[in-house]
Amino acid sequence: MEKRTNAYQLELKEVSLKNGDAGTKSLHLNFDNHDDLFNIFEVISSKQIFDNKETATEFALGLKLFTEVMLKNKENPLFEDLRPAILEFMKKLKSS
C-alpha cells in the first residue's frame, strides 16, 4: 500500500543581512510530511505558548521539518541519543 503524505513547497529568501547588505540568496524546497502543516501551525498558535503567531509558526515549521527527517531516517545513529528526548518533548507539547 502506498504511503500517503502531504506535499509542500517552501521558498526562502534572504531579505537583509546583519551587516546591512541586501540579501541575494534564495532557496526553493519541495518536501513531504505526514502531517497537515497548516493545521499544526494553527494548533500551536492557539496554544499561546509564544508571544506572537510568527514565533509559533517558526517553531512549528522547524520542529515538523526536523522531526520528519528523524522519522525518515530512524536507523541513522545521529538521532539515537536525541530520539527519547524528542518523544518526551512531543508528548509534553501535545498535552499542553
Protein backbone atom coordinates (compact mmCIF):
# COMPACT_ATOMS: atom_id res chain seq x y z
CA MET A 1 0.00 0.00 0.00
CA GLU A 2 1.31 3.43 -0.95
CA LYS A 3 2.07 5.72 1.96
CA ARG A 4 0.16 8.98 1.80
CA THR A 5 1.85 12.25 2.59
CA ASN A 6 1.16 15.92 2.08
CA ALA A 7 3.37 17.71 -0.46
CA TYR A 8 4.73 21.18 0.25
CA GLN A 9 6.88 23.79 -1.42
CA LEU A 10 8.94 26.23 0.58
CA GLU A 11 10.53 29.38 -0.77
CA LEU A 12 13.05 31.08 1.48
CA LYS A 13 14.51 34.46 0.52
CA GLU A 14 17.31 36.34 2.16
CA VAL A 15 15.86 39.84 2.71
CA SER A 16 18.66 41.64 4.50
CA LEU A 17 21.86 40.70 6.28
CA LYS A 18 23.02 41.77 9.73
CA ASN A 19 25.81 43.83 8.15
CA GLY A 20 23.20 45.97 6.36
CA ASP A 21 23.61 44.43 2.91
CA ALA A 22 20.58 43.40 0.91
CA GLY A 23 20.02 39.67 0.73
CA THR A 24 20.64 37.95 -2.59
CA LYS A 25 20.15 34.25 -1.95
CA SER A 26 17.04 32.14 -2.18
CA LEU A 27 16.12 28.51 -1.67
CA HIS A 28 13.28 26.51 -3.18
CA LEU A 29 12.49 23.24 -1.45
CA ASN A 30 9.88 20.61 -2.23
CA PHE A 31 9.19 18.18 0.61
CA ASP A 32 6.52 15.95 2.04
CA ASN A 33 5.23 15.50 5.56
CA HIS A 34 2.76 13.05 7.05
CA ASP A 35 1.02 15.88 8.94
CA ASP A 36 -1.13 18.76 7.73
CA LEU A 37 1.36 21.53 8.47
CA PHE A 38 -1.12 24.38 8.22
CA ASN A 39 -3.30 22.69 10.81
CA ILE A 40 -0.23 22.25 13.04
CA PHE A 41 0.55 25.97 12.70
CA GLU A 42 -2.96 26.83 13.87
CA VAL A 43 -2.87 24.37 16.77
CA ILE A 44 0.50 25.63 18.03
CA SER A 45 -0.62 29.25 17.65
CA SER A 46 -3.86 28.56 19.54
CA LYS A 47 -1.90 27.11 22.48
CA GLN A 48 -0.36 30.57 23.00
CA ILE A 49 2.99 29.10 24.01
CA PHE A 50 4.72 32.11 22.45
CA ASP A 51 4.00 35.84 22.47
CA ASN A 52 3.14 36.06 18.79
CA LYS A 53 1.87 33.99 15.90
CA GLU A 54 5.04 34.37 13.80
CA THR A 55 7.17 32.82 16.54
CA ALA A 56 4.67 30.00 16.91
CA THR A 57 4.81 29.34 13.15
CA GLU A 58 8.63 29.41 13.09
CA PHE A 59 8.71 26.94 15.96
CA ALA A 60 6.14 24.60 14.40
CA LEU A 61 7.78 24.65 10.97
CA GLY A 62 11.25 23.99 12.34
CA LEU A 63 10.04 21.23 14.61
CA LYS A 64 8.00 19.50 11.91
CA LEU A 65 10.82 19.67 9.35
CA PHE A 66 13.29 18.27 11.86
CA THR A 67 11.09 15.50 13.23
CA GLU A 68 10.05 14.38 9.74
CA VAL A 69 13.72 13.96 8.82
CA MET A 70 14.17 11.93 12.01
CA LEU A 71 11.22 9.71 11.12
CA LYS A 72 12.53 9.11 7.61
CA ASN A 73 15.95 8.23 8.99
CA LYS A 74 15.04 6.14 12.04
CA GLU A 75 18.11 3.95 11.72
CA ASN A 76 20.59 6.82 11.49
CA PRO A 77 22.81 6.74 14.59
CA LEU A 78 22.94 10.55 14.58
CA PHE A 79 19.46 10.63 16.13
CA GLU A 80 19.96 7.75 18.57
CA ASP A 81 20.56 9.84 21.70
CA LEU A 82 18.07 12.53 20.73
CA ARG A 83 15.11 10.28 19.90
CA PRO A 84 13.93 9.61 23.50
CA ALA A 85 14.10 13.30 24.41
CA ILE A 86 12.18 14.31 21.27
CA LEU A 87 9.48 11.73 22.03
CA GLU A 88 9.06 13.12 25.56
CA PHE A 89 9.10 16.68 24.25
CA MET A 90 6.37 15.90 21.70
CA LYS A 91 4.20 14.29 24.42
CA LYS A 92 4.62 17.39 26.59
CA LEU A 93 3.84 19.71 23.67
CA LYS A 94 0.72 17.78 22.67
CA SER A 95 -0.60 17.75 26.23
CA SER A 96 -0.11 21.48 26.80
